[in-house]
PDB file of N, CA and C in Angstrom:
ATOM      1  N   MET A   1       0.818  -1.189   0.000  1.00  0.00           N
ATOM      2  CA  MET A   1       0.000   0.000   0.000  1.00  0.00           C
ATOM      3  C   MET A   1       0.870   1.265   0.000  1.00  0.00           C
ATOM      4  N   ALA A   2       1.978   1.225   0.722  1.00  0.00           N
ATOM      5  CA  ALA A   2       2.860   2.385   0.767  1.00  0.00           C
ATOM      6  C   ALA A   2       3.479   2.653  -0.600  1.00  0.00           C
ATOM      7  N   THR A   3       3.758   1.582  -1.334  1.00  0.00           N
ATOM      8  CA  THR A   3       4.319   1.730  -2.676  1.00  0.00           C
ATOM      9  C   THR A   3       3.383   2.533  -3.566  1.00  0.00           C
ATOM     10  N   PHE A   4       2.106   2.265  -3.464  1.00  0.00           N
ATOM     11  CA  PHE A   4       1.119   2.996  -4.245  1.00  0.00           C
ATOM     12  C   PHE A   4       1.189   4.493  -3.955  1.00  0.00           C
ATOM     13  N   PHE A   5       1.287   4.856  -2.686  1.00  0.00           N
ATOM     14  CA  PHE A   5       1.301   6.267  -2.325  1.00  0.00           C
ATOM     15  C   PHE A   5       2.614   6.947  -2.703  1.00  0.00           C
ATOM     16  N   TYR A   6       3.729   6.233  -2.638  1.00  0.00           N
ATOM     17  CA  TYR A   6       5.000   6.806  -3.099  1.00  0.00           C
ATOM     18  C   TYR A   6       4.931   7.112  -4.595  1.00  0.00           C
ATOM     19  N   ASN A   7       4.408   6.163  -5.346  1.00  0.00           N
ATOM     20  CA  ASN A   7       4.300   6.371  -6.789  1.00  0.00           C
ATOM     21  C   ASN A   7       3.266   7.436  -7.132  1.00  0.00           C
ATOM     22  N   LEU A   8       2.173   7.462  -6.402  1.00  0.00           N
ATOM     23  CA  LEU A   8       1.149   8.481  -6.627  1.00  0.00           C
ATOM     24  C   LEU A   8       1.696   9.877  -6.349  1.00  0.00           C
ATOM     25  N   SER A   9       2.462   9.993  -5.300  1.00  0.00           N
ATOM     26  CA  SER A   9       3.066  11.281  -4.964  1.00  0.00           C
ATOM     27  C   SER A   9       4.036  11.735  -6.047  1.00  0.00           C
ATOM     28  N   ALA A  10       4.830  10.823  -6.556  1.00  0.00           N
ATOM     29  CA  ALA A  10       5.752  11.162  -7.643  1.00  0.00           C
ATOM     30  C   ALA A  10       4.980  11.558  -8.897  1.00  0.00           C
ATOM     31  N   LEU A  11       3.920  10.843  -9.202  1.00  0.00           N
ATOM     32  CA  LEU A  11       3.116  11.146 -10.380  1.00  0.00           C
ATOM     33  C   LEU A  11       2.455  12.520 -10.265  1.00  0.00           C
ATOM     34  N   VAL A  12       1.897  12.821  -9.111  1.00  0.00           N
ATOM     35  CA  VAL A  12       1.247  14.119  -8.913  1.00  0.00           C
ATOM     36  C   VAL A  12       2.270  15.252  -9.002  1.00  0.00           C
ATOM     37  N   SER A  13       3.443  15.065  -8.440  1.00  0.00           N
ATOM     38  CA  SER A  13       4.487  16.090  -8.541  1.00  0.00           C
ATOM     39  C   SER A  13       4.904  16.297  -9.988  1.00  0.00           C
ATOM     40  N   PHE A  14       5.030  15.218 -10.741  1.00  0.00           N
ATOM     41  CA  PHE A  14       5.410  15.312 -12.148  1.00  0.00           C
ATOM     42  C   PHE A  14       4.328  16.026 -12.959  1.00  0.00           C
ATOM     43  N   ILE A  15       3.066  15.696 -12.704  1.00  0.00           N
ATOM     44  CA  ILE A  15       1.963  16.350 -13.411  1.00  0.00           C
ATOM     45  C   ILE A  15       1.914  17.831 -13.073  1.00  0.00           C
ATOM     46  N   CYS A  16       2.132  18.185 -11.822  1.00  0.00           N
ATOM     47  CA  CYS A  16       2.186  19.604 -11.446  1.00  0.00           C
ATOM     48  C   CYS A  16       3.308  20.316 -12.189  1.00  0.00           C
ATOM     49  N   GLY A  17       4.452  19.664 -12.312  1.00  0.00           N
ATOM     50  CA  GLY A  17       5.562  20.249 -13.064  1.00  0.00           C
ATOM     51  C   GLY A  17       5.201  20.478 -14.522  1.00  0.00           C
ATOM     52  N   ILE A  18       4.519  19.514 -15.127  1.00  0.00           N
ATOM     53  CA  ILE A  18       4.098  19.662 -16.521  1.00  0.00           C
ATOM     54  C   ILE A  18       3.113  20.813 -16.664  1.00  0.00           C
ATOM     55  N   LEU A  19       2.145  20.905 -15.759  1.00  0.00           N
ATOM     56  CA  LEU A  19       1.169  21.990 -15.826  1.00  0.00           C
ATOM     57  C   LEU A  19       1.826  23.351 -15.630  1.00  0.00           C
ATOM     58  N   LEU A  20       2.805  23.412 -14.747  1.00  0.00           N
ATOM     59  CA  LEU A  20       3.525  24.669 -14.540  1.00  0.00           C
ATOM     60  C   LEU A  20       4.341  25.043 -15.772  1.00  0.00           C
ATOM     61  N   LEU A  21       4.960  24.057 -16.414  1.00  0.00           N
ATOM     62  CA  LEU A  21       5.695  24.339 -17.650  1.00  0.00           C
ATOM     63  C   LEU A  21       4.757  24.807 -18.762  1.00  0.00           C
ATOM     64  N   HIS A  22       3.591  24.227 -18.822  1.00  0.00           N
ATOM     65  CA  HIS A  22       2.612  24.647 -19.817  1.00  0.00           C
ATOM     66  C   HIS A  22       2.180  26.093 -19.568  1.00  0.00           C
ATOM     67  N   ALA A  23       1.946  26.432 -18.314  1.00  0.00           N
ATOM     68  CA  ALA A  23       1.583  27.813 -17.978  1.00  0.00           C
ATOM     69  C   ALA A  23       2.739  28.764 -18.268  1.00  0.00           C
ATOM     70  N   TYR A  24       3.962  28.304 -18.025  1.00  0.00           N
ATOM     71  CA  TYR A  24       5.126  29.137 -18.334  1.00  0.00           C
ATOM     72  C   TYR A  24       5.238  29.392 -19.832  1.00  0.00           C
ATOM     73  N   ALA A  25       4.960  28.384 -20.636  1.00  0.00           N
ATOM     74  CA  ALA A  25       5.044  28.539 -22.088  1.00  0.00           C
ATOM     75  C   ALA A  25       4.036  29.570 -22.595  1.00  0.00           C
ATOM     76  N   LYS A  26       2.897  29.667 -21.933  1.00  0.00           N
ATOM     77  CA  LYS A  26       1.884  30.630 -22.351  1.00  0.00           C
ATOM     78  C   LYS A  26       2.188  32.042 -21.863  1.00  0.00           C
ATOM     79  N   SER A  27       2.630  32.161 -20.620  1.00  0.00           N
ATOM     80  CA  SER A  27       2.737  33.500 -20.016  1.00  0.00           C
ATOM     81  C   SER A  27       4.162  34.040 -19.925  1.00  0.00           C
ATOM     82  N   ARG A  28       5.151  33.162 -19.999  1.00  0.00           N
ATOM     83  CA  ARG A  28       6.572  33.541 -19.869  1.00  0.00           C
ATOM     84  C   ARG A  28       6.891  34.197 -18.519  1.00  0.00           C
ATOM     85  N   LEU A  29       6.148  33.856 -17.484  1.00  0.00           N
ATOM     86  CA  LEU A  29       6.488  34.289 -16.131  1.00  0.00           C
ATOM     87  C   LEU A  29       7.534  33.327 -15.585  1.00  0.00           C
ATOM     88  N   ARG A  30       8.709  33.852 -15.272  1.00  0.00           N
ATOM     89  CA  ARG A  30       9.821  32.976 -14.897  1.00  0.00           C
ATOM     90  C   ARG A  30       9.592  32.275 -13.561  1.00  0.00           C
ATOM     91  N   LEU A  31       8.751  32.830 -12.705  1.00  0.00           N
ATOM     92  CA  LEU A  31       8.448  32.158 -11.444  1.00  0.00           C
ATOM     93  C   LEU A  31       7.793  30.799 -11.701  1.00  0.00           C
ATOM     94  N   LEU A  32       6.998  30.713 -12.755  1.00  0.00           N
ATOM     95  CA  LEU A  32       6.392  29.429 -13.113  1.00  0.00           C
ATOM     96  C   LEU A  32       7.452  28.414 -13.524  1.00  0.00           C
ATOM     97  N   LEU A  33       8.486  28.885 -14.201  1.00  0.00           N
ATOM     98  CA  LEU A  33       9.576  27.984 -14.595  1.00  0.00           C
ATOM     99  C   LEU A  33      10.304  27.445 -13.372  1.00  0.00           C
ATOM    100  N   TRP A  34      10.632  28.318 -12.437  1.00  0.00           N
ATOM    101  CA  TRP A  34      11.329  27.861 -11.230  1.00  0.00           C
ATOM    102  C   TRP A  34      10.454  26.911 -10.417  1.00  0.00           C
ATOM    103  N   SER A  35       9.161  27.176 -10.386  1.00  0.00           N
ATOM    104  CA  SER A  35       8.247  26.273  -9.677  1.00  0.00           C
ATOM    105  C   SER A  35       8.181  24.910 -10.356  1.00  0.00           C
ATOM    106  N   ALA A  36       8.173  24.905 -11.688  1.00  0.00           N
ATOM    107  CA  ALA A  36       8.147  23.636 -12.419  1.00  0.00           C
ATOM    108  C   ALA A  36       9.406  22.825 -12.146  1.00  0.00           C
ATOM    109  N   ILE A  37      10.557  23.487 -12.153  1.00  0.00           N
ATOM    110  CA  ILE A  37      11.812  22.786 -11.856  1.00  0.00           C
ATOM    111  C   ILE A  37      11.759  22.194 -10.449  1.00  0.00           C
ATOM    112  N   CYS A  38      11.210  22.943  -9.519  1.00  0.00           N
ATOM    113  CA  CYS A  38      11.083  22.440  -8.146  1.00  0.00           C
ATOM    114  C   CYS A  38      10.212  21.187  -8.107  1.00  0.00           C
ATOM    115  N   PHE A  39       9.081  21.213  -8.793  1.00  0.00           N
ATOM    116  CA  PHE A  39       8.186  20.058  -8.763  1.00  0.00           C
ATOM    117  C   PHE A  39       8.791  18.846  -9.455  1.00  0.00           C
ATOM    118  N   PHE A  40       9.566  19.059 -10.521  1.00  0.00           N
ATOM    119  CA  PHE A  40      10.256  17.929 -11.141  1.00  0.00           C
ATOM    120  C   PHE A  40      11.291  17.342 -10.178  1.00  0.00           C
ATOM    121  N   GLY A  41      11.971  18.200  -9.431  1.00  0.00           N
ATOM    122  CA  GLY A  41      12.919  17.720  -8.424  1.00  0.00           C
ATOM    123  C   GLY A  41      12.224  16.946  -7.320  1.00  0.00           C
ATOM    124  N   LEU A  42      11.059  17.418  -6.909  1.00  0.00           N
ATOM    125  CA  LEU A  42      10.304  16.697  -5.880  1.00  0.00           C
ATOM    126  C   LEU A  42       9.810  15.350  -6.405  1.00  0.00           C
ATOM    127  N   ALA A  43       9.481  15.290  -7.683  1.00  0.00           N
ATOM    128  CA  ALA A  43       9.078  14.002  -8.273  1.00  0.00           C
ATOM    129  C   ALA A  43      10.247  13.026  -8.254  1.00  0.00           C
ATOM    130  N   VAL A  44      11.433  13.511  -8.577  1.00  0.00           N
ATOM    131  CA  VAL A  44      12.628  12.656  -8.528  1.00  0.00           C
ATOM    132  C   VAL A  44      12.878  12.193  -7.093  1.00  0.00           C
ATOM    133  N   SER A  45      12.713  13.102  -6.147  1.00  0.00           N
ATOM    134  CA  SER A  45      12.899  12.739  -4.739  1.00  0.00           C
ATOM    135  C   SER A  45      11.912  11.646  -4.318  1.00  0.00           C
ATOM    136  N   ASN A  46      10.667  11.768  -4.755  1.00  0.00           N
ATOM    137  CA  ASN A  46       9.670  10.742  -4.431  1.00  0.00           C
ATOM    138  C   ASN A  46       9.983   9.412  -5.094  1.00  0.00           C
ATOM    139  N   LEU A  47      10.511   9.450  -6.305  1.00  0.00           N
ATOM    140  CA  LEU A  47      10.924   8.202  -6.948  1.00  0.00           C
ATOM    141  C   LEU A  47      12.098   7.563  -6.211  1.00  0.00           C
ATOM    142  N   LEU A  48      12.992   8.405  -5.701  1.00  0.00           N
ATOM    143  CA  LEU A  48      14.112   7.867  -4.918  1.00  0.00           C
ATOM    144  C   LEU A  48      13.634   7.203  -3.625  1.00  0.00           C
ATOM    145  N   ILE A  49      12.554   7.699  -3.052  1.00  0.00           N
ATOM    146  CA  ILE A  49      11.980   7.034  -1.869  1.00  0.00           C
ATOM    147  C   ILE A  49      11.544   5.623  -2.240  1.00  0.00           C
ATOM    148  N   PHE A  50      10.855   5.503  -3.367  1.00  0.00           N
ATOM    149  CA  PHE A  50      10.410   4.182  -3.823  1.00  0.00           C
ATOM    150  C   PHE A  50      11.607   3.268  -4.084  1.00  0.00           C
ATOM    151  N   VAL A  51      12.609   3.782  -4.774  1.00  0.00           N
ATOM    152  CA  VAL A  51      13.801   2.976  -5.076  1.00  0.00           C
ATOM    153  C   VAL A  51      14.506   2.575  -3.785  1.00  0.00           C
ATOM    154  N   ASP A  52      14.617   3.518  -2.866  1.00  0.00           N
ATOM    155  CA  ASP A  52      15.326   3.261  -1.607  1.00  0.00           C
ATOM    156  C   ASP A  52      14.627   2.193  -0.769  1.00  0.00           C
ATOM    157  N   LEU A  53      13.324   2.301  -0.645  1.00  0.00           N
ATOM    158  CA  LEU A  53      12.615   1.413   0.274  1.00  0.00           C
ATOM    159  C   LEU A  53      12.169   0.093  -0.352  1.00  0.00           C
ATOM    160  N   HIS A  54      11.995   0.062  -1.684  1.00  0.00           N
ATOM    161  CA  HIS A  54      11.437  -1.152  -2.276  1.00  0.00           C
ATOM    162  C   HIS A  54      12.352  -1.844  -3.284  1.00  0.00           C
ATOM    163  N   LEU A  55      13.028  -1.101  -4.111  1.00  0.00           N
ATOM    164  CA  LEU A  55      13.860  -1.742  -5.131  1.00  0.00           C
ATOM    165  C   LEU A  55      15.256  -2.083  -4.626  1.00  0.00           C
ATOM    166  N   LEU A  56      15.842  -1.184  -3.851  1.00  0.00           N
ATOM    167  CA  LEU A  56      17.196  -1.393  -3.321  1.00  0.00           C
ATOM    168  C   LEU A  56      17.220  -1.184  -1.808  1.00  0.00           C
ATOM    169  N   PRO A  57      16.573  -2.056  -1.059  1.00  0.00           N
ATOM    170  CA  PRO A  57      16.528  -1.837   0.393  1.00  0.00           C
ATOM    171  C   PRO A  57      17.887  -1.999   1.080  1.00  0.00           C
ATOM    172  N   GLN A  58      18.824  -2.661   0.413  1.00  0.00           N
ATOM    173  CA  GLN A  58      20.138  -2.858   1.015  1.00  0.00           C
ATOM    174  C   GLN A  58      21.017  -1.619   0.898  1.00  0.00           C
ATOM    175  N   ILE A  59      20.645  -0.679   0.032  1.00  0.00           N
ATOM    176  CA  ILE A  59      21.419   0.548  -0.153  1.00  0.00           C
ATOM    177  C   ILE A  59      20.645   1.700   0.484  1.00  0.00           C
ATOM    178  N   ASN A  60      21.336   2.487   1.290  1.00  0.00           N
ATOM    179  CA  ASN A  60      20.706   3.624   1.962  1.00  0.00           C
ATOM    180  C   ASN A  60      20.777   4.853   1.062  1.00  0.00           C
ATOM    181  N   LEU A  61      19.631   5.293   0.564  1.00  0.00           N
ATOM    182  CA  LEU A  61      19.557   6.478  -0.287  1.00  0.00           C
ATOM    183  C   LEU A  61      18.941   7.670   0.441  1.00  0.00           C
ATOM    184  N   TYR A  62      19.009   7.650   1.751  1.00  0.00           N
ATOM    185  CA  TYR A  62      18.401   8.729   2.538  1.00  0.00           C
ATOM    186  C   TYR A  62      19.032  10.080   2.226  1.00  0.00           C
ATOM    187  N   LEU A  63      20.346  10.143   2.228  1.00  0.00           N
ATOM    188  CA  LEU A  63      21.029  11.415   1.972  1.00  0.00           C
ATOM    189  C   LEU A  63      20.807  11.909   0.542  1.00  0.00           C
ATOM    190  N   PRO A  64      20.926  11.065  -0.489  1.00  0.00           N
ATOM    191  CA  PRO A  64      20.616  11.561  -1.841  1.00  0.00           C
ATOM    192  C   PRO A  64      19.176  12.050  -1.998  1.00  0.00           C
ATOM    193  N   ARG A  65      18.239  11.381  -1.323  1.00  0.00           N
ATOM    194  CA  ARG A  65      16.841  11.837  -1.363  1.00  0.00           C
ATOM    195  C   ARG A  65      16.720  13.236  -0.804  1.00  0.00           C
ATOM    196  N   LEU A  66      17.351  13.469   0.332  1.00  0.00           N
ATOM    197  CA  LEU A  66      17.276  14.783   0.954  1.00  0.00           C
ATOM    198  C   LEU A  66      17.996  15.846   0.131  1.00  0.00           C
ATOM    199  N   VAL A  67      19.109  15.477  -0.478  1.00  0.00           N
ATOM    200  CA  VAL A  67      19.856  16.433  -1.300  1.00  0.00           C
ATOM    201  C   VAL A  67      19.027  16.847  -2.517  1.00  0.00           C
ATOM    202  N   VAL A  68      18.374  15.887  -3.164  1.00  0.00           N
ATOM    203  CA  VAL A  68      17.545  16.210  -4.330  1.00  0.00           C
ATOM    204  C   VAL A  68      16.379  17.113  -3.918  1.00  0.00           C
ATOM    205  N   ALA A  69      15.737  16.803  -2.807  1.00  0.00           N
ATOM    206  CA  ALA A  69      14.620  17.634  -2.342  1.00  0.00           C
ATOM    207  C   ALA A  69      15.105  19.028  -1.950  1.00  0.00           C
ATOM    208  N   ALA A  70      16.257  19.121  -1.328  1.00  0.00           N
ATOM    209  CA  ALA A  70      16.791  20.427  -0.942  1.00  0.00           C
ATOM    210  C   ALA A  70      17.149  21.263  -2.162  1.00  0.00           C
ATOM    211  N   ILE A  71      17.738  20.646  -3.163  1.00  0.00           N
ATOM    212  CA  ILE A  71      18.071  21.373  -4.394  1.00  0.00           C
ATOM    213  C   ILE A  71      16.795  21.856  -5.079  1.00  0.00           C
ATOM    214  N   ALA A  72      15.771  21.015  -5.083  1.00  0.00           N
ATOM    215  CA  ALA A  72      14.495  21.429  -5.671  1.00  0.00           C
ATOM    216  C   ALA A  72      13.925  22.638  -4.935  1.00  0.00           C
ATOM    217  N   MET A  73      13.996  22.619  -3.630  1.00  0.00           N
ATOM    218  CA  MET A  73      13.493  23.748  -2.851  1.00  0.00           C
ATOM    219  C   MET A  73      14.343  25.005  -3.048  1.00  0.00           C
ATOM    220  N   ILE A  74      15.632  24.822  -3.273  1.00  0.00           N
ATOM    221  CA  ILE A  74      16.502  25.972  -3.535  1.00  0.00           C
ATOM    222  C   ILE A  74      16.101  26.643  -4.851  1.00  0.00           C
ATOM    223  N   PHE A  75      15.750  25.861  -5.865  1.00  0.00           N
ATOM    224  CA  PHE A  75      15.263  26.448  -7.115  1.00  0.00           C
ATOM    225  C   PHE A  75      14.001  27.272  -6.871  1.00  0.00           C
ATOM    226  N   LEU A  76      13.080  26.738  -6.086  1.00  0.00           N
ATOM    227  CA  LEU A  76      11.862  27.479  -5.797  1.00  0.00           C
ATOM    228  C   LEU A  76      12.164  28.728  -4.980  1.00  0.00           C
ATOM    229  N   LEU A  77      13.041  28.612  -4.020  1.00  0.00           N
ATOM    230  CA  LEU A  77      13.407  29.761  -3.204  1.00  0.00           C
ATOM    231  C   LEU A  77      14.062  30.846  -4.048  1.00  0.00           C
ATOM    232  N   TYR A  78      14.942  30.444  -4.961  1.00  0.00           N
ATOM    233  CA  TYR A  78      15.566  31.407  -5.868  1.00  0.00           C
ATOM    234  C   TYR A  78      14.498  32.133  -6.686  1.00  0.00           C
ATOM    235  N   GLY A  79      13.566  31.370  -7.218  1.00  0.00           N
ATOM    236  CA  GLY A  79      12.499  31.977  -8.005  1.00  0.00           C
ATOM    237  C   GLY A  79      11.644  32.921  -7.198  1.00  0.00           C
ATOM    238  N   LEU A  80      11.358  32.554  -5.968  1.00  0.00           N
ATOM    239  CA  LEU A  80      10.538  33.425  -5.123  1.00  0.00           C
ATOM    240  C   LEU A  80      11.267  34.711  -4.761  1.00  0.00           C
ATOM    241  N   ILE A  81      12.558  34.624  -4.520  1.00  0.00           N
ATOM    242  CA  ILE A  81      13.312  35.814  -4.114  1.00  0.00           C
ATOM    243  C   ILE A  81      13.594  36.723  -5.301  1.00  0.00           C
ATOM    244  N   TRP A  82      14.103  36.180  -6.391  1.00  0.00           N
ATOM    245  CA  TRP A  82      14.590  37.006  -7.498  1.00  0.00           C
ATOM    246  C   TRP A  82      13.553  37.282  -8.564  1.00  0.00           C
ATOM    247  N   GLU A  83      12.566  36.421  -8.699  1.00  0.00           N
ATOM    248  CA  GLU A  83      11.563  36.626  -9.757  1.00  0.00           C
ATOM    249  C   GLU A  83      10.216  37.020  -9.209  1.00  0.00           C
ATOM    250  N   GLY A  84      10.012  36.891  -7.920  1.00  0.00           N
ATOM    251  CA  GLY A  84       8.691  37.156  -7.345  1.00  0.00           C
ATOM    252  C   GLY A  84       8.297  38.614  -7.347  1.00  0.00           C
ATOM    253  N   ASP A  85       9.247  39.534  -7.361  1.00  0.00           N
ATOM    254  CA  ASP A  85       8.926  40.950  -7.287  1.00  0.00           C
ATOM    255  C   ASP A  85       8.699  41.574  -8.659  1.00  0.00           C
ATOM    256  N   ARG A  86       8.804  40.810  -9.722  1.00  0.00           N
ATOM    257  CA  ARG A  86       8.640  41.352 -11.079  1.00  0.00           C
ATOM    258  C   ARG A  86       7.222  41.250 -11.554  1.00  0.00           C
TER     259      ARG A  86
END
């Protein structure tokens, strides 16, 4: 059951990223681009949770998962700080 929710979370994050990219293509607001990059990073992080806990349980991917999520959040933070006031 947990596998379903890990995959669902990754899928929803990926779909949000696609929708944000589509909105960016129409409006050219760069904040949408940074948000899309963040959501794609969060989707990768969620996929790493699935890989870590179910596909490769003998390998600890805790730190790479956190690094990917932190980098994704840094992209969003950059967009909020530098592009949010435009």
